[in-house]
Structures are given as structure tokens and as C-alpha cells.
Amino acid sequence: MSETIHTVLDLSRPVGRLSFREVFRNADSSSPDNTNLRLSEAQFISLVKVLFTYGLHYDEVGQEQRPFFMESIKDNELGLFDIPMTFCAHLLNNLDEGARLEFRKLLEMDHNLRDMLSNEQLMDFVEMELIDPSVSYRKWEYGRYAMDHMATSFLGSVDWKTEQLAVGQDNSKIEDYLEGLDNRLDLFGTELDDHEKSLLLLMSKTKVLEQNYTLMDYMLAGDIVQSNLVGLTLRKERLATVLKTTIENGRSKGRDKGGPKP
């Protein structure tokens, strides 16, 4: 049996960042009830991004909240869903030939925007070509992508060069550093959930150790973000504050022991 080889996503191609509402602001009014619309490619891609984001993250909310959740994705106020939407656009840029042909066929069809989840063929495409890879062999890429894009919000206030110099390349120092960081996150982040602490630790590890992270680190990050995206984004300021306090406390303890100074 031949082994299936999956190439890493090429993220170099541009992607649109307009929200669903913005794309459809001047939509064709030939179907006033929005049940039978032929879409432009930009409009269709916007629709696909909403369906992908909903399908990947709807387990975050209860059944009764899902209609509101769908509307929140369409609006994407405050950029809550920028990560899955832009990741979806990159997935579309990297479709193989068969999936690209299916994409073109779907583009030629009429679509129901009033009940978006009723587009059965489109839902099958989103599930099989976009969501399934994102929760399986591309989960690590989603985790890496999410951490890269959260880095500014969560990690931007920390002087990571100082942390890198303190740890160096000594394996014992690396292990001690991560253990100490984990312990201090427990101390200063008592109100944080376990998944929030885990993500902060993973993000810090990738910053301090640079090339010393693993595929499993990214897969764990992918798990955490896929299950908790909204909560993490809404609490990003609090998470950033906890991490900064944790790092600075570690430095002060290092100085007390005669360790390296910033």
C-alpha cells in the first residue's frame, strides 16, 4: 500500500479579510429572500469561510446558542474569528486538483443564504475538504497558525530575548525553566482554566526555545484553540497580563539567587 504524503500549506498567497456582512453589503438582489442566489467568487469564498468556522468551533456553544453563534461569525466583530477564517482561505488556496474542480462546480450553483446549513453539497465539501483535514493531519498546522497569530496579543509585552539568553542551550536549564514557568503559571493564574495555562506554556516554549518545539506541541495547541477559540480571544488581555507577571516574577527570583539580569 502506497503511503499518502501531505504537503505543508503554502501560506504565501494573499487571502481576503472582509467579513461576510461586508462582502454581501452590495449583493445581487435578484433573490430578495436570499434563498436562491448565484454568488461571485469573493462572495462564495466568504460563505465557505463562515461555514468552516461554524463547523470547526460550534461545539464551543450549546445548541440553543448556535443560531446566535452563526450570526456572530457572519459579523466577526472585534476579529474574534480571524484565525479560522484566514486559515480556511489558505486551505482554499491549497486545494488539490479534484477539490478545486468541486469548488468550481459549487461556485456555479445557486445558494441559500437564509438557511446556510441547508446547502447539502456545499456542506459536504466544507466537511470533507476543509474541516476533516483541520482536525486530523493539518491540526498541527492550525495550532501553529493560531499560536503565530495570537503571539502579538498574548506575548507581545514580554522581552523574549532576555528569556532566551537566560536559558541558552543548556538542556538542564531548559527543563528547569519550563518547570518553573509551569509552577508560576499555577501561582499567578489561579483564575485561569487548565487549557489557558497549557496554551500560555506552549506559546512561551516556542518563543524561548525557538526551534526546539515539536509537532505534538502544535497538535496540542490545535486541540486547545479548536475547542476554546472564543473564550481565549475574549480573555486575551487577562491572559497576557498573567503571562507577563509570571515571567517578571521568574526574573526577580533569578536576580535574588544571583542569576542573569535583564
C-alpha atoms as a PDB file:
ATOM      1  CA  MET A   1       0.000   0.000   0.000  1.00  0.00           C
ATOM      2  CA  SER A   2       1.421   3.370  -1.022  1.00  0.00           C
ATOM      3  CA  GLU A   3       1.876   5.988   1.677  1.00  0.00           C
ATOM      4  CA  THR A   4      -0.148   9.200   1.383  1.00  0.00           C
ATOM      5  CA  ILE A   5       2.057  12.289   1.520  1.00  0.00           C
ATOM      6  CA  HIS A   6       0.579  15.644   2.534  1.00  0.00           C
ATOM      7  CA  THR A   7       2.446  18.809   1.672  1.00  0.00           C
ATOM      8  CA  VAL A   8       2.651  21.653   4.173  1.00  0.00           C
ATOM      9  CA  LEU A   9       0.308  24.526   3.393  1.00  0.00           C
ATOM     10  CA  ASP A  10       1.725  27.338   1.301  1.00  0.00           C
ATOM     11  CA  LEU A  11       0.717  30.492   3.188  1.00  0.00           C
ATOM     12  CA  SER A  12       2.320  32.926   0.766  1.00  0.00           C
ATOM     13  CA  ARG A  13      -0.732  33.565  -1.419  1.00  0.00           C
ATOM     14  CA  PRO A  14      -2.957  36.527  -0.440  1.00  0.00           C
ATOM     15  CA  VAL A  15      -6.331  35.996   1.231  1.00  0.00           C
ATOM     16  CA  GLY A  16      -9.333  38.315   1.547  1.00  0.00           C
ATOM     17  CA  ARG A  17     -10.163  39.568   5.025  1.00  0.00           C
ATOM     18  CA  LEU A  18     -13.576  41.190   4.535  1.00  0.00           C
ATOM     19  CA  SER A  19     -16.329  39.938   6.814  1.00  0.00           C
ATOM     20  CA  PHE A  20     -19.356  38.106   5.445  1.00  0.00           C
ATOM     21  CA  ARG A  21     -21.510  41.196   6.061  1.00  0.00           C
ATOM     22  CA  GLU A  22     -19.065  43.417   4.175  1.00  0.00           C
ATOM     23  CA  VAL A  23     -18.842  41.081   1.194  1.00  0.00           C
ATOM     24  CA  PHE A  24     -22.627  40.851   0.904  1.00  0.00           C
ATOM     25  CA  ARG A  25     -23.377  44.522   1.550  1.00  0.00           C
ATOM     26  CA  ASN A  26     -23.942  45.062  -2.173  1.00  0.00           C
ATOM     27  CA  ALA A  27     -25.062  41.527  -3.014  1.00  0.00           C
ATOM     28  CA  ASP A  28     -27.257  40.749  -6.016  1.00  0.00           C
ATOM     29  CA  SER A  29     -30.887  41.398  -5.032  1.00  0.00           C
ATOM     30  CA  SER A  30     -32.358  39.016  -7.620  1.00  0.00           C
ATOM     31  CA  SER A  31     -33.492  36.790  -4.748  1.00  0.00           C
ATOM     32  CA  PRO A  32     -34.867  39.146  -2.076  1.00  0.00           C
ATOM     33  CA  ASP A  33     -35.378  36.327   0.417  1.00  0.00           C
ATOM     34  CA  ASN A  34     -31.743  35.144  -0.070  1.00  0.00           C
ATOM     35  CA  THR A  35     -32.751  31.558  -0.787  1.00  0.00           C
ATOM     36  CA  ASN A  36     -31.615  31.206  -4.394  1.00  0.00           C
ATOM     37  CA  LEU A  37     -28.535  33.319  -5.087  1.00  0.00           C
ATOM     38  CA  ARG A  38     -25.735  32.928  -7.638  1.00  0.00           C
ATOM     39  CA  LEU A  39     -22.590  34.224  -5.955  1.00  0.00           C
ATOM     40  CA  SER A  40     -19.412  35.846  -7.151  1.00  0.00           C
ATOM     41  CA  GLU A  41     -16.203  34.016  -6.230  1.00  0.00           C
ATOM     42  CA  ALA A  42     -15.466  36.506  -3.435  1.00  0.00           C
ATOM     43  CA  GLN A  43     -18.973  36.054  -2.022  1.00  0.00           C
ATOM     44  CA  PHE A  44     -18.743  32.284  -2.292  1.00  0.00           C
ATOM     45  CA  ILE A  45     -15.392  32.180  -0.500  1.00  0.00           C
ATOM     46  CA  SER A  46     -16.874  34.352   2.246  1.00  0.00           C
ATOM     47  CA  LEU A  47     -19.742  31.884   2.619  1.00  0.00           C
ATOM     48  CA  VAL A  48     -17.330  28.942   2.788  1.00  0.00           C
ATOM     49  CA  LYS A  49     -15.261  30.666   5.486  1.00  0.00           C
ATOM     50  CA  VAL A  50     -18.357  31.161   7.641  1.00  0.00           C
ATOM     51  CA  LEU A  51     -19.399  27.520   7.260  1.00  0.00           C
ATOM     52  CA  PHE A  52     -15.862  26.301   8.010  1.00  0.00           C
ATOM     53  CA  THR A  53     -15.590  28.454  11.123  1.00  0.00           C
ATOM     54  CA  TYR A  54     -19.004  27.372  12.361  1.00  0.00           C
ATOM     55  CA  GLY A  55     -18.287  23.691  11.708  1.00  0.00           C
ATOM     56  CA  LEU A  56     -14.874  23.788  13.368  1.00  0.00           C
ATOM     57  CA  HIS A  57     -15.950  25.668  16.500  1.00  0.00           C
ATOM     58  CA  TYR A  58     -19.687  25.214  17.084  1.00  0.00           C
ATOM     59  CA  ASP A  59     -19.074  22.729  19.917  1.00  0.00           C
ATOM     60  CA  GLU A  60     -17.930  25.707  21.998  1.00  0.00           C
ATOM     61  CA  VAL A  61     -21.553  26.756  22.480  1.00  0.00           C
ATOM     62  CA  GLY A  62     -24.759  24.992  23.471  1.00  0.00           C
ATOM     63  CA  GLN A  63     -27.457  24.014  20.988  1.00  0.00           C
ATOM     64  CA  GLU A  64     -29.705  26.962  21.860  1.00  0.00           C
ATOM     65  CA  GLN A  65     -26.860  29.453  21.313  1.00  0.00           C
ATOM     66  CA  ARG A  66     -25.791  28.210  17.885  1.00  0.00           C
ATOM     67  CA  PRO A  67     -28.012  30.484  15.773  1.00  0.00           C
ATOM     68  CA  PHE A  68     -26.517  33.474  17.609  1.00  0.00           C
ATOM     69  CA  PHE A  69     -23.063  31.943  17.178  1.00  0.00           C
ATOM     70  CA  MET A  70     -23.611  31.771  13.413  1.00  0.00           C
ATOM     71  CA  GLU A  71     -24.637  35.434  13.331  1.00  0.00           C
ATOM     72  CA  SER A  72     -21.537  36.345  15.347  1.00  0.00           C
ATOM     73  CA  ILE A  73     -19.336  34.604  12.792  1.00  0.00           C
ATOM     74  CA  LYS A  74     -21.014  36.473   9.927  1.00  0.00           C
ATOM     75  CA  ASP A  75     -20.374  39.808  11.651  1.00  0.00           C
ATOM     76  CA  ASN A  76     -16.935  38.871  13.036  1.00  0.00           C
ATOM     77  CA  GLU A  77     -16.904  41.927  15.233  1.00  0.00           C
ATOM     78  CA  LEU A  78     -13.625  42.517  17.072  1.00  0.00           C
ATOM     79  CA  GLY A  79     -11.977  39.942  14.798  1.00  0.00           C
ATOM     80  CA  LEU A  80     -12.990  37.036  17.044  1.00  0.00           C
ATOM     81  CA  PHE A  81     -12.920  34.606  14.131  1.00  0.00           C
ATOM     82  CA  ASP A  82      -9.990  35.945  12.110  1.00  0.00           C
ATOM     83  CA  ILE A  83      -7.865  32.858  12.793  1.00  0.00           C
ATOM     84  CA  PRO A  84     -10.200  30.147  11.430  1.00  0.00           C
ATOM     85  CA  MET A  85     -11.409  32.374   8.605  1.00  0.00           C
ATOM     86  CA  THR A  86      -7.957  33.204   7.302  1.00  0.00           C
ATOM     87  CA  PHE A  87      -6.817  29.606   7.825  1.00  0.00           C
ATOM     88  CA  CYS A  88      -9.803  28.478   5.736  1.00  0.00           C
ATOM     89  CA  ALA A  89      -8.782  30.894   2.975  1.00  0.00           C
ATOM     90  CA  HIS A  90      -5.303  29.348   2.975  1.00  0.00           C
ATOM     91  CA  LEU A  91      -6.847  25.880   2.766  1.00  0.00           C
ATOM     92  CA  LEU A  92      -8.817  27.009  -0.279  1.00  0.00           C
ATOM     93  CA  ASN A  93      -5.616  28.347  -1.838  1.00  0.00           C
ATOM     94  CA  ASN A  94      -4.054  24.901  -1.400  1.00  0.00           C
ATOM     95  CA  LEU A  95      -6.833  22.626  -2.697  1.00  0.00           C
ATOM     96  CA  ASP A  96      -5.713  19.694  -4.803  1.00  0.00           C
ATOM     97  CA  GLU A  97      -6.957  19.346  -8.363  1.00  0.00           C
ATOM     98  CA  GLY A  98     -10.024  17.240  -7.521  1.00  0.00           C
ATOM     99  CA  ALA A  99     -11.154  19.535  -4.721  1.00  0.00           C
ATOM    100  CA  ARG A 100     -10.547  22.574  -6.916  1.00  0.00           C
ATOM    101  CA  LEU A 101     -12.863  21.120  -9.574  1.00  0.00           C
ATOM    102  CA  GLU A 102     -15.535  20.544  -6.899  1.00  0.00           C
ATOM    103  CA  PHE A 103     -15.067  24.132  -5.735  1.00  0.00           C
ATOM    104  CA  ARG A 104     -15.681  25.416  -9.289  1.00  0.00           C
ATOM    105  CA  LYS A 105     -18.825  23.267  -9.627  1.00  0.00           C
ATOM    106  CA  LEU A 106     -20.216  24.613  -6.375  1.00  0.00           C
ATOM    107  CA  LEU A 107     -19.438  28.154  -7.464  1.00  0.00           C
ATOM    108  CA  GLU A 108     -21.745  27.681 -10.456  1.00  0.00           C
ATOM    109  CA  MET A 109     -24.679  26.650  -8.255  1.00  0.00           C
ATOM    110  CA  ASP A 110     -27.308  28.793  -6.540  1.00  0.00           C
ATOM    111  CA  HIS A 111     -27.007  29.036  -2.757  1.00  0.00           C
ATOM    112  CA  ASN A 112     -29.397  29.607   0.122  1.00  0.00           C
ATOM    113  CA  LEU A 113     -28.150  32.343   2.428  1.00  0.00           C
ATOM    114  CA  ARG A 114     -31.256  32.331   4.617  1.00  0.00           C
ATOM    115  CA  ASP A 115     -30.593  28.753   5.775  1.00  0.00           C
ATOM    116  CA  MET A 116     -26.884  28.335   5.066  1.00  0.00           C
ATOM    117  CA  LEU A 117     -26.610  24.891   6.649  1.00  0.00           C
ATOM    118  CA  SER A 118     -29.161  23.521   4.153  1.00  0.00           C
ATOM    119  CA  ASN A 119     -26.668  23.654   1.262  1.00  0.00           C
ATOM    120  CA  GLU A 120     -26.017  19.910   1.387  1.00  0.00           C
ATOM    121  CA  GLN A 121     -23.393  19.630  -1.370  1.00  0.00           C
ATOM    122  CA  LEU A 122     -21.564  22.660  -0.071  1.00  0.00           C
ATOM    123  CA  MET A 123     -21.647  21.355   3.495  1.00  0.00           C
ATOM    124  CA  ASP A 124     -20.169  18.038   2.290  1.00  0.00           C
ATOM    125  CA  PHE A 125     -17.345  19.935   0.566  1.00  0.00           C
ATOM    126  CA  VAL A 126     -16.600  22.055   3.639  1.00  0.00           C
ATOM    127  CA  GLU A 127     -16.635  18.993   5.890  1.00  0.00           C
ATOM    128  CA  MET A 128     -14.517  16.690   3.735  1.00  0.00           C
ATOM    129  CA  GLU A 129     -12.045  19.103   2.124  1.00  0.00           C
ATOM    130  CA  LEU A 130     -11.591  21.695   4.862  1.00  0.00           C
ATOM    131  CA  ILE A 131     -12.763  20.623   8.324  1.00  0.00           C
ATOM    132  CA  ASP A 132     -11.655  16.982   8.229  1.00  0.00           C
ATOM    133  CA  PRO A 133      -8.029  17.892   7.352  1.00  0.00           C
ATOM    134  CA  SER A 134      -8.021  20.619  10.016  1.00  0.00           C
ATOM    135  CA  VAL A 135      -8.935  18.165  12.777  1.00  0.00           C
ATOM    136  CA  SER A 136      -6.629  15.407  11.533  1.00  0.00           C
ATOM    137  CA  TYR A 137      -3.401  15.704   9.554  1.00  0.00           C
ATOM    138  CA  ARG A 138      -3.448  19.507   9.439  1.00  0.00           C
ATOM    139  CA  LYS A 139      -4.305  20.018  13.114  1.00  0.00           C
ATOM    140  CA  TRP A 140      -0.672  20.809  13.886  1.00  0.00           C
ATOM    141  CA  GLU A 141      -0.680  23.457  11.148  1.00  0.00           C
ATOM    142  CA  TYR A 142      -3.829  25.002  12.597  1.00  0.00           C
ATOM    143  CA  GLY A 143      -2.180  25.020  16.017  1.00  0.00           C
ATOM    144  CA  ARG A 144       0.981  26.653  14.672  1.00  0.00           C
ATOM    145  CA  TYR A 145      -1.031  29.191  12.686  1.00  0.00           C
ATOM    146  CA  ALA A 146      -3.194  30.062  15.690  1.00  0.00           C
ATOM    147  CA  MET A 147      -0.212  30.477  18.012  1.00  0.00           C
ATOM    148  CA  ASP A 148       1.595  32.669  15.492  1.00  0.00           C
ATOM    149  CA  HIS A 149      -1.430  34.956  15.218  1.00  0.00           C
ATOM    150  CA  MET A 150      -2.100  35.036  18.955  1.00  0.00           C
ATOM    151  CA  ALA A 151       1.529  35.846  19.719  1.00  0.00           C
ATOM    152  CA  THR A 152       1.118  39.620  19.387  1.00  0.00           C
ATOM    153  CA  SER A 153      -1.844  39.709  21.774  1.00  0.00           C
ATOM    154  CA  PHE A 154      -0.567  37.200  24.308  1.00  0.00           C
ATOM    155  CA  LEU A 155       3.219  37.547  24.129  1.00  0.00           C
ATOM    156  CA  GLY A 156       3.950  40.996  22.738  1.00  0.00           C
ATOM    157  CA  SER A 157       4.651  42.652  26.102  1.00  0.00           C
ATOM    158  CA  VAL A 158       7.374  40.143  27.100  1.00  0.00           C
ATOM    159  CA  ASP A 159      11.082  40.646  26.372  1.00  0.00           C
ATOM    160  CA  TRP A 160      11.765  37.180  24.990  1.00  0.00           C
ATOM    161  CA  LYS A 161      15.396  37.914  24.105  1.00  0.00           C
ATOM    162  CA  THR A 162      16.153  38.181  27.810  1.00  0.00           C
ATOM    163  CA  GLU A 163      14.437  34.859  28.448  1.00  0.00           C
ATOM    164  CA  GLN A 164      16.370  33.195  25.613  1.00  0.00           C
ATOM    165  CA  LEU A 165      19.701  34.485  26.966  1.00  0.00           C
ATOM    166  CA  ALA A 166      18.851  33.249  30.468  1.00  0.00           C
ATOM    167  CA  VAL A 167      18.092  29.728  29.268  1.00  0.00           C
ATOM    168  CA  GLY A 168      20.665  29.370  26.498  1.00  0.00           C
ATOM    169  CA  GLN A 169      21.101  25.892  25.019  1.00  0.00           C
ATOM    170  CA  ASP A 170      21.682  24.026  28.269  1.00  0.00           C
ATOM    171  CA  ASN A 171      19.156  21.161  28.408  1.00  0.00           C
ATOM    172  CA  SER A 172      19.024  21.156  32.204  1.00  0.00           C
ATOM    173  CA  LYS A 173      18.333  24.909  32.231  1.00  0.00           C
ATOM    174  CA  ILE A 174      15.621  24.421  29.642  1.00  0.00           C
ATOM    175  CA  GLU A 175      13.895  21.766  31.740  1.00  0.00           C
ATOM    176  CA  ASP A 176      14.202  23.876  34.892  1.00  0.00           C
ATOM    177  CA  TYR A 177      12.884  26.948  33.093  1.00  0.00           C
ATOM    178  CA  LEU A 178       9.787  25.174  31.783  1.00  0.00           C
ATOM    179  CA  GLU A 179       9.090  23.564  35.146  1.00  0.00           C
ATOM    180  CA  GLY A 180       9.450  26.919  36.916  1.00  0.00           C
ATOM    181  CA  LEU A 181       7.244  28.656  34.370  1.00  0.00           C
ATOM    182  CA  ASP A 182       4.583  25.982  34.771  1.00  0.00           C
ATOM    183  CA  ASN A 183       4.663  26.339  38.576  1.00  0.00           C
ATOM    184  CA  ARG A 184       4.437  30.136  38.425  1.00  0.00           C
ATOM    185  CA  LEU A 185       1.505  29.967  35.992  1.00  0.00           C
ATOM    186  CA  ASP A 186      -0.281  27.884  38.620  1.00  0.00           C
ATOM    187  CA  LEU A 187       0.582  30.516  41.228  1.00  0.00           C
ATOM    188  CA  PHE A 188      -0.293  33.689  39.323  1.00  0.00           C
ATOM    189  CA  GLY A 189      -3.035  32.269  37.118  1.00  0.00           C
ATOM    190  CA  THR A 190      -5.291  30.710  39.720  1.00  0.00           C
ATOM    191  CA  GLU A 191      -8.381  32.013  37.887  1.00  0.00           C
ATOM    192  CA  LEU A 192      -7.264  30.570  34.548  1.00  0.00           C
ATOM    193  CA  ASP A 193      -8.582  27.304  33.158  1.00  0.00           C
ATOM    194  CA  ASP A 194      -6.164  24.440  32.589  1.00  0.00           C
ATOM    195  CA  HIS A 195      -6.337  24.826  28.803  1.00  0.00           C
ATOM    196  CA  GLU A 196      -5.429  28.524  29.110  1.00  0.00           C
ATOM    197  CA  LYS A 197      -2.360  27.720  31.203  1.00  0.00           C
ATOM    198  CA  SER A 198      -1.365  24.973  28.787  1.00  0.00           C
ATOM    199  CA  LEU A 199      -1.580  27.289  25.795  1.00  0.00           C
ATOM    200  CA  LEU A 200       0.443  30.022  27.518  1.00  0.00           C
ATOM    201  CA  LEU A 201       3.097  27.450  28.393  1.00  0.00           C
ATOM    202  CA  LEU A 202       3.210  26.147  24.811  1.00  0.00           C
ATOM    203  CA  MET A 203       3.447  29.651  23.365  1.00  0.00           C
ATOM    204  CA  SER A 204       6.202  30.573  25.792  1.00  0.00           C
ATOM    205  CA  LYS A 205       8.106  27.415  24.923  1.00  0.00           C
ATOM    206  CA  THR A 206       8.081  28.236  21.223  1.00  0.00           C
ATOM    207  CA  LYS A 207       9.337  31.756  21.959  1.00  0.00           C
ATOM    208  CA  VAL A 208      12.128  30.795  24.350  1.00  0.00           C
ATOM    209  CA  LEU A 209      13.326  27.624  22.667  1.00  0.00           C
ATOM    210  CA  GLU A 210      12.650  28.768  19.092  1.00  0.00           C
ATOM    211  CA  GLN A 211      13.431  25.629  17.042  1.00  0.00           C
ATOM    212  CA  ASN A 212      13.079  23.222  19.980  1.00  0.00           C
ATOM    213  CA  TYR A 213       9.303  22.750  19.754  1.00  0.00           C
ATOM    214  CA  THR A 214       7.663  19.547  18.500  1.00  0.00           C
ATOM    215  CA  LEU A 215       4.821  18.504  16.238  1.00  0.00           C
ATOM    216  CA  MET A 216       2.958  17.335  19.344  1.00  0.00           C
ATOM    217  CA  ASP A 217       3.222  20.850  20.801  1.00  0.00           C
ATOM    218  CA  TYR A 218       1.433  22.242  17.765  1.00  0.00           C
ATOM    219  CA  MET A 219      -1.168  19.455  17.768  1.00  0.00           C
ATOM    220  CA  LEU A 220      -1.966  20.169  21.422  1.00  0.00           C
ATOM    221  CA  ALA A 221      -2.273  23.866  20.580  1.00  0.00           C
ATOM    222  CA  GLY A 222      -4.591  22.957  17.723  1.00  0.00           C
ATOM    223  CA  ASP A 223      -6.778  20.946  20.116  1.00  0.00           C
ATOM    224  CA  ILE A 224      -6.941  23.803  22.604  1.00  0.00           C
ATOM    225  CA  VAL A 225      -7.767  26.502  20.060  1.00  0.00           C
ATOM    226  CA  GLN A 226     -10.335  24.408  18.192  1.00  0.00           C
ATOM    227  CA  SER A 227     -12.221  23.828  21.443  1.00  0.00           C
ATOM    228  CA  ASN A 228     -11.796  27.248  23.090  1.00  0.00           C
ATOM    229  CA  LEU A 229     -11.209  29.927  20.446  1.00  0.00           C
ATOM    230  CA  VAL A 230     -13.891  32.383  21.550  1.00  0.00           C
ATOM    231  CA  GLY A 231     -13.030  32.264  25.245  1.00  0.00           C
ATOM    232  CA  LEU A 232      -9.310  32.619  24.565  1.00  0.00           C
ATOM    233  CA  THR A 233      -9.850  35.622  22.311  1.00  0.00           C
ATOM    234  CA  LEU A 234     -12.217  37.371  24.714  1.00  0.00           C
ATOM    235  CA  ARG A 235      -9.789  36.872  27.622  1.00  0.00           C
ATOM    236  CA  LYS A 236      -6.605  37.682  25.709  1.00  0.00           C
ATOM    237  CA  GLU A 237      -5.806  40.794  27.763  1.00  0.00           C
ATOM    238  CA  ARG A 238      -6.113  38.898  31.037  1.00  0.00           C
ATOM    239  CA  LEU A 239      -4.003  36.029  29.710  1.00  0.00           C
ATOM    240  CA  ALA A 240      -1.311  38.459  28.537  1.00  0.00           C
ATOM    241  CA  THR A 241      -1.248  40.114  31.978  1.00  0.00           C
ATOM    242  CA  VAL A 242      -0.891  36.783  33.778  1.00  0.00           C
ATOM    243  CA  LEU A 243       1.936  35.696  31.499  1.00  0.00           C
ATOM    244  CA  LYS A 244       3.832  38.973  31.910  1.00  0.00           C
ATOM    245  CA  THR A 245       3.501  38.773  35.698  1.00  0.00           C
ATOM    246  CA  THR A 246       4.685  35.161  35.622  1.00  0.00           C
ATOM    247  CA  ILE A 247       7.759  35.963  33.516  1.00  0.00           C
ATOM    248  CA  GLU A 248       8.745  39.042  35.535  1.00  0.00           C
ATOM    249  CA  ASN A 249       8.408  37.132  38.810  1.00  0.00           C
ATOM    250  CA  GLY A 250      10.758  34.485  37.442  1.00  0.00           C
ATOM    251  CA  ARG A 251      13.336  37.143  36.614  1.00  0.00           C
ATOM    252  CA  SER A 252      13.159  38.669  40.082  1.00  0.00           C
ATOM    253  CA  LYS A 253      13.738  35.261  41.654  1.00  0.00           C
ATOM    254  CA  GLY A 254      16.707  34.763  39.322  1.00  0.00           C
ATOM    255  CA  ARG A 255      18.248  38.066  40.469  1.00  0.00           C
ATOM    256  CA  ASP A 256      17.686  37.139  44.128  1.00  0.00           C
ATOM    257  CA  LYS A 257      19.715  33.982  43.506  1.00  0.00           C
ATOM    258  CA  GLY A 258      22.454  35.808  41.636  1.00  0.00           C
ATOM    259  CA  GLY A 259      21.127  34.726  38.261  1.00  0.00           C
ATOM    260  CA  PRO A 260      21.330  36.660  34.993  1.00  0.00           C
ATOM    261  CA  LYS A 261      19.857  40.148  34.938  1.00  0.00           C
ATOM    262  CA  PRO A 262      17.854  41.667  32.059  1.00  0.00           C
END
